[in-house]
PDB file of all heavy atoms in Angstrom:
ATOM      1  N   VAL A   1       0.837  -1.209   0.000  1.00  0.00           N
ATOM      2  CA  VAL A   1       0.000   0.000   0.000  1.00  0.00           C
ATOM      3  C   VAL A   1       0.866   1.251   0.000  1.00  0.00           C
ATOM      4  O   VAL A   1       0.563   2.240  -0.689  1.00  0.00           O
ATOM      5  CB  VAL A   1      -0.951  -0.004   1.213  1.00  0.00           C
ATOM      6  CG1 VAL A   1      -1.702   1.321   1.316  1.00  0.00           C
ATOM      7  CG2 VAL A   1      -1.950  -1.146   1.101  1.00  0.00           C
ATOM      8  N   ALA A   2       1.967   1.230   0.744  1.00  0.00           N
ATOM      9  CA  ALA A   2       2.846   2.399   0.786  1.00  0.00           C
ATOM     10  C   ALA A   2       3.452   2.684  -0.585  1.00  0.00           C
ATOM     11  O   ALA A   2       3.527   3.847  -1.017  1.00  0.00           O
ATOM     12  CB  ALA A   2       3.951   2.184   1.816  1.00  0.00           C
ATOM     13  N   ILE A   3       3.885   1.651  -1.296  1.00  0.00           N
ATOM     14  CA  ILE A   3       4.419   1.859  -2.642  1.00  0.00           C
ATOM     15  C   ILE A   3       3.343   2.403  -3.563  1.00  0.00           C
ATOM     16  O   ILE A   3       3.585   3.328  -4.359  1.00  0.00           O
ATOM     17  CB  ILE A   3       5.027   0.554  -3.194  1.00  0.00           C
ATOM     18  CG1 ILE A   3       6.348   0.252  -2.476  1.00  0.00           C
ATOM     19  CG2 ILE A   3       5.249   0.639  -4.702  1.00  0.00           C
ATOM     20  CD1 ILE A   3       7.049  -1.008  -2.929  1.00  0.00           C
ATOM     21  N   LEU A   4       2.143   1.852  -3.460  1.00  0.00           N
ATOM     22  CA  LEU A   4       1.037   2.363  -4.281  1.00  0.00           C
ATOM     23  C   LEU A   4       0.786   3.833  -3.973  1.00  0.00           C
ATOM     24  O   LEU A   4       0.519   4.632  -4.885  1.00  0.00           O
ATOM     25  CB  LEU A   4      -0.218   1.532  -4.002  1.00  0.00           C
ATOM     26  CG  LEU A   4      -1.417   1.741  -4.921  1.00  0.00           C
ATOM     27  CD1 LEU A   4      -1.090   1.282  -6.338  1.00  0.00           C
ATOM     28  CD2 LEU A   4      -2.634   0.986  -4.387  1.00  0.00           C
ATOM     29  N   GLY A   5       0.914   4.214  -2.707  1.00  0.00           N
ATOM     30  CA  GLY A   5       0.700   5.605  -2.326  1.00  0.00           C
ATOM     31  C   GLY A   5       1.778   6.527  -2.838  1.00  0.00           C
ATOM     32  O   GLY A   5       1.492   7.619  -3.367  1.00  0.00           O
ATOM     33  N   VAL A   6       3.031   6.122  -2.711  1.00  0.00           N
ATOM     34  CA  VAL A   6       4.143   6.966  -3.147  1.00  0.00           C
ATOM     35  C   VAL A   6       4.200   7.056  -4.663  1.00  0.00           C
ATOM     36  O   VAL A   6       4.495   8.119  -5.231  1.00  0.00           O
ATOM     37  CB  VAL A   6       5.474   6.429  -2.579  1.00  0.00           C
ATOM     38  CG1 VAL A   6       6.660   7.191  -3.156  1.00  0.00           C
ATOM     39  CG2 VAL A   6       5.486   6.524  -1.047  1.00  0.00           C
ATOM     40  N   GLU A   7       3.915   5.947  -5.346  1.00  0.00           N
ATOM     41  CA  GLU A   7       4.048   5.915  -6.804  1.00  0.00           C
ATOM     42  C   GLU A   7       2.932   6.660  -7.530  1.00  0.00           C
ATOM     43  O   GLU A   7       3.192   7.371  -8.507  1.00  0.00           O
ATOM     44  CB  GLU A   7       4.100   4.464  -7.293  1.00  0.00           C
ATOM     45  CG  GLU A   7       5.380   3.722  -6.961  1.00  0.00           C
ATOM     46  CD  GLU A   7       6.593   4.291  -7.674  1.00  0.00           C
ATOM     47  OE1 GLU A   7       6.423   4.931  -8.734  1.00  0.00           O
ATOM     48  OE2 GLU A   7       7.713   4.101  -7.161  1.00  0.00           O
ATOM     49  N   SER A   8       1.694   6.468  -7.094  1.00  0.00           N
ATOM     50  CA  SER A   8       0.586   7.034  -7.874  1.00  0.00           C
ATOM     51  C   SER A   8      -0.544   7.575  -7.008  1.00  0.00           C
ATOM     52  O   SER A   8      -1.685   7.648  -7.472  1.00  0.00           O
ATOM     53  CB  SER A   8       0.024   5.966  -8.828  1.00  0.00           C
ATOM     54  OG  SER A   8      -0.538   4.878  -8.087  1.00  0.00           O
ATOM     55  N   ASN A   9      -0.203   7.979  -5.780  1.00  0.00           N
ATOM     56  CA  ASN A   9      -1.231   8.474  -4.857  1.00  0.00           C
ATOM     57  C   ASN A   9      -2.392   7.491  -4.776  1.00  0.00           C
ATOM     58  O   ASN A   9      -3.556   7.850  -4.942  1.00  0.00           O
ATOM     59  CB  ASN A   9      -1.722   9.868  -5.271  1.00  0.00           C
ATOM     60  CG  ASN A   9      -2.502  10.546  -4.162  1.00  0.00           C
ATOM     61  OD1 ASN A   9      -2.310  10.270  -2.982  1.00  0.00           O
ATOM     62  ND2 ASN A   9      -3.414  11.437  -4.534  1.00  0.00           N
ATOM     63  N   PHE A  10      -2.037   6.222  -4.537  1.00  0.00           N
ATOM     64  CA  PHE A  10      -3.003   5.128  -4.392  1.00  0.00           C
ATOM     65  C   PHE A  10      -3.836   4.917  -5.652  1.00  0.00           C
ATOM     66  O   PHE A  10      -5.014   4.580  -5.596  1.00  0.00           O
ATOM     67  CB  PHE A  10      -3.906   5.372  -3.176  1.00  0.00           C
ATOM     68  CG  PHE A  10      -3.140   5.602  -1.899  1.00  0.00           C
ATOM     69  CD1 PHE A  10      -3.033   6.879  -1.363  1.00  0.00           C
ATOM     70  CD2 PHE A  10      -2.489   4.561  -1.254  1.00  0.00           C
ATOM     71  CE1 PHE A  10      -2.310   7.104  -0.196  1.00  0.00           C
ATOM     72  CE2 PHE A  10      -1.759   4.791  -0.098  1.00  0.00           C
ATOM     73  CZ  PHE A  10      -1.669   6.051   0.444  1.00  0.00           C
ATOM     74  N   GLY A  11      -3.174   5.100  -6.789  1.00  0.00           N
ATOM     75  CA  GLY A  11      -3.813   4.811  -8.061  1.00  0.00           C
ATOM     76  C   GLY A  11      -4.530   5.962  -8.712  1.00  0.00           C
ATOM     77  O   GLY A  11      -5.080   5.805  -9.812  1.00  0.00           O
ATOM     78  N   THR A  12      -4.514   7.138  -8.092  1.00  0.00           N
ATOM     79  CA  THR A  12      -5.272   8.271  -8.638  1.00  0.00           C
ATOM     80  C   THR A  12      -4.434   9.190  -9.519  1.00  0.00           C
ATOM     81  O   THR A  12      -4.980  10.074 -10.171  1.00  0.00           O
ATOM     82  CB  THR A  12      -5.882   9.109  -7.496  1.00  0.00           C
ATOM     83  OG1 THR A  12      -4.828   9.687  -6.719  1.00  0.00           O
ATOM     84  CG2 THR A  12      -6.759   8.243  -6.607  1.00  0.00           C
ATOM     85  N   ALA A  13      -3.115   9.000  -9.533  1.00  0.00           N
ATOM     86  CA  ALA A  13      -2.241   9.896 -10.300  1.00  0.00           C
ATOM     87  C   ALA A  13      -1.203   9.075 -11.045  1.00  0.00           C
ATOM     88  O   ALA A  13      -0.004   9.146 -10.772  1.00  0.00           O
ATOM     89  CB  ALA A  13      -1.571  10.903  -9.368  1.00  0.00           C
ATOM     90  N   ALA A  14      -1.691   8.293 -12.006  1.00  0.00           N
ATOM     91  CA  ALA A  14      -0.803   7.395 -12.740  1.00  0.00           C
ATOM     92  C   ALA A  14      -0.170   8.048 -13.958  1.00  0.00           C
ATOM     93  O   ALA A  14       0.731   7.483 -14.571  1.00  0.00           O
ATOM     94  CB  ALA A  14      -1.559   6.137 -13.171  1.00  0.00           C
ATOM     95  N   GLY A  15      -0.615   9.234 -14.327  1.00  0.00           N
ATOM     96  CA  GLY A  15      -0.036   9.931 -15.478  1.00  0.00           C
ATOM     97  C   GLY A  15      -0.799   9.658 -16.753  1.00  0.00           C
ATOM     98  O   GLY A  15      -1.348   8.564 -16.938  1.00  0.00           O
ATOM     99  N   GLY A  16      -0.813  10.643 -17.640  1.00  0.00           N
ATOM    100  CA  GLY A  16      -1.565  10.505 -18.882  1.00  0.00           C
ATOM    101  C   GLY A  16      -0.747  10.666 -20.135  1.00  0.00           C
ATOM    102  O   GLY A  16      -1.299  10.817 -21.225  1.00  0.00           O
ATOM    103  N   SER A  17       0.577  10.603 -20.022  1.00  0.00           N
ATOM    104  CA  SER A  17       1.444  10.763 -21.195  1.00  0.00           C
ATOM    105  C   SER A  17       1.433   9.499 -22.048  1.00  0.00           C
ATOM    106  O   SER A  17       1.299   8.381 -21.532  1.00  0.00           O
ATOM    107  CB  SER A  17       2.873  11.077 -20.763  1.00  0.00           C
ATOM    108  OG  SER A  17       2.948  12.287 -20.048  1.00  0.00           O
ATOM    109  N   ASP A  18       1.599   9.672 -23.345  1.00  0.00           N
ATOM    110  CA  ASP A  18       1.711   8.548 -24.276  1.00  0.00           C
ATOM    111  C   ASP A  18       3.064   7.874 -24.042  1.00  0.00           C
ATOM    112  O   ASP A  18       4.116   8.439 -24.346  1.00  0.00           O
ATOM    113  CB  ASP A  18       1.609   9.075 -25.710  1.00  0.00           C
ATOM    114  CG  ASP A  18       1.717   7.983 -26.762  1.00  0.00           C
ATOM    115  OD1 ASP A  18       2.133   6.855 -26.434  1.00  0.00           O
ATOM    116  OD2 ASP A  18       1.402   8.266 -27.931  1.00  0.00           O
ATOM    117  N   ALA A  19       3.046   6.663 -23.488  1.00  0.00           N
ATOM    118  CA  ALA A  19       4.293   5.995 -23.097  1.00  0.00           C
ATOM    119  C   ALA A  19       5.207   5.757 -24.290  1.00  0.00           C
ATOM    120  O   ALA A  19       6.428   5.960 -24.196  1.00  0.00           O
ATOM    121  CB  ALA A  19       3.984   4.680 -22.391  1.00  0.00           C
ATOM    122  N   LEU A  20       4.659   5.327 -25.432  1.00  0.00           N
ATOM    123  CA  LEU A  20       5.502   5.085 -26.604  1.00  0.00           C
ATOM    124  C   LEU A  20       6.181   6.369 -27.071  1.00  0.00           C
ATOM    125  O   LEU A  20       7.367   6.382 -27.406  1.00  0.00           O
ATOM    126  CB  LEU A  20       4.677   4.492 -27.740  1.00  0.00           C
ATOM    127  CG  LEU A  20       4.394   2.983 -27.696  1.00  0.00           C
ATOM    128  CD1 LEU A  20       3.623   2.574 -28.938  1.00  0.00           C
ATOM    129  CD2 LEU A  20       5.689   2.186 -27.604  1.00  0.00           C
ATOM    130  N   ARG A  21       5.422   7.445 -27.098  1.00  0.00           N
ATOM    131  CA  ARG A  21       5.983   8.726 -27.539  1.00  0.00           C
ATOM    132  C   ARG A  21       7.083   9.197 -26.583  1.00  0.00           C
ATOM    133  O   ARG A  21       8.143   9.648 -27.011  1.00  0.00           O
ATOM    134  CB  ARG A  21       4.879   9.773 -27.629  1.00  0.00           C
ATOM    135  CG  ARG A  21       5.338  11.099 -28.215  1.00  0.00           C
ATOM    136  CD  ARG A  21       4.236  12.133 -28.152  1.00  0.00           C
ATOM    137  NE  ARG A  21       4.635  13.365 -28.837  1.00  0.00           N
ATOM    138  CZ  ARG A  21       4.048  14.538 -28.640  1.00  0.00           C
ATOM    139  NH1 ARG A  21       3.049  14.651 -27.783  1.00  0.00           N
ATOM    140  NH2 ARG A  21       4.472  15.607 -29.314  1.00  0.00           N
ATOM    141  N   VAL A  22       6.816   9.059 -25.283  1.00  0.00           N
ATOM    142  CA  VAL A  22       7.794   9.477 -24.277  1.00  0.00           C
ATOM    143  C   VAL A  22       9.071   8.659 -24.394  1.00  0.00           C
ATOM    144  O   VAL A  22      10.180   9.203 -24.411  1.00  0.00           O
ATOM    145  CB  VAL A  22       7.186   9.336 -22.868  1.00  0.00           C
ATOM    146  CG1 VAL A  22       8.270   9.365 -21.802  1.00  0.00           C
ATOM    147  CG2 VAL A  22       6.178  10.450 -22.614  1.00  0.00           C
ATOM    148  N   LEU A  23       8.924   7.335 -24.476  1.00  0.00           N
ATOM    149  CA  LEU A  23      10.103   6.467 -24.523  1.00  0.00           C
ATOM    150  C   LEU A  23      10.915   6.702 -25.787  1.00  0.00           C
ATOM    151  O   LEU A  23      12.152   6.752 -25.744  1.00  0.00           O
ATOM    152  CB  LEU A  23       9.662   5.001 -24.436  1.00  0.00           C
ATOM    153  CG  LEU A  23       9.048   4.580 -23.102  1.00  0.00           C
ATOM    154  CD1 LEU A  23       8.403   3.203 -23.218  1.00  0.00           C
ATOM    155  CD2 LEU A  23      10.092   4.592 -21.995  1.00  0.00           C
ATOM    156  N   ALA A  24      10.237   6.861 -26.912  1.00  0.00           N
ATOM    157  CA  ALA A  24      10.953   7.128 -28.160  1.00  0.00           C
ATOM    158  C   ALA A  24      11.659   8.473 -28.100  1.00  0.00           C
ATOM    159  O   ALA A  24      12.795   8.614 -28.573  1.00  0.00           O
ATOM    160  CB  ALA A  24       9.979   7.085 -29.336  1.00  0.00           C
ATOM    161  N   SER A  25      11.012   9.469 -27.513  1.00  0.00           N
ATOM    162  CA  SER A  25      11.616  10.797 -27.412  1.00  0.00           C
ATOM    163  C   SER A  25      12.850  10.773 -26.507  1.00  0.00           C
ATOM    164  O   SER A  25      13.867  11.398 -26.812  1.00  0.00           O
ATOM    165  CB  SER A  25      10.598  11.808 -26.883  1.00  0.00           C
ATOM    166  OG  SER A  25       9.488  11.921 -27.746  1.00  0.00           O
ATOM    167  N   LEU A  26      12.767  10.054 -25.384  1.00  0.00           N
ATOM    168  CA  LEU A  26      13.911   9.958 -24.480  1.00  0.00           C
ATOM    169  C   LEU A  26      15.079   9.234 -25.148  1.00  0.00           C
ATOM    170  O   LEU A  26      16.243   9.615 -24.985  1.00  0.00           O
ATOM    171  CB  LEU A  26      13.496   9.242 -23.189  1.00  0.00           C
ATOM    172  CG  LEU A  26      12.621  10.061 -22.244  1.00  0.00           C
ATOM    173  CD1 LEU A  26      12.009   9.169 -21.167  1.00  0.00           C
ATOM    174  CD2 LEU A  26      13.417  11.193 -21.597  1.00  0.00           C
ATOM    175  N   ALA A  27      14.768   8.191 -25.902  1.00  0.00           N
ATOM    176  CA  ALA A  27      15.826   7.489 -26.628  1.00  0.00           C
ATOM    177  C   ALA A  27      16.424   8.376 -27.707  1.00  0.00           C
ATOM    178  O   ALA A  27      17.646   8.417 -27.898  1.00  0.00           O
ATOM    179  CB  ALA A  27      15.263   6.211 -27.242  1.00  0.00           C
ATOM    180  N   TRP A  28      15.592   9.111 -28.401  1.00  0.00           N
ATOM    181  CA  TRP A  28      16.028  10.000 -29.484  1.00  0.00           C
ATOM    182  C   TRP A  28      16.910  11.129 -28.956  1.00  0.00           C
ATOM    183  O   TRP A  28      17.900  11.513 -29.584  1.00  0.00           O
ATOM    184  CB  TRP A  28      14.803  10.558 -30.186  1.00  0.00           C
ATOM    185  CG  TRP A  28      15.041  11.667 -31.168  1.00  0.00           C
ATOM    186  CD1 TRP A  28      14.551  12.938 -31.094  1.00  0.00           C
ATOM    187  CD2 TRP A  28      15.786  11.606 -32.388  1.00  0.00           C
ATOM    188  NE1 TRP A  28      14.949  13.680 -32.175  1.00  0.00           N
ATOM    189  CE2 TRP A  28      15.715  12.883 -32.989  1.00  0.00           C
ATOM    190  CE3 TRP A  28      16.509  10.610 -33.014  1.00  0.00           C
ATOM    191  CZ2 TRP A  28      16.338  13.170 -34.203  1.00  0.00           C
ATOM    192  CZ3 TRP A  28      17.142  10.885 -34.225  1.00  0.00           C
ATOM    193  CH2 TRP A  28      17.048  12.158 -34.798  1.00  0.00           C
TER     194      TRP A  28
END
């Protein structure tokens, strides 16, 4: 539960970025 809280505020803040776009951009 603590990890869930620290990582994503217990699942409420998981992020909305396009993962493929982000990963490709970071690699690029």
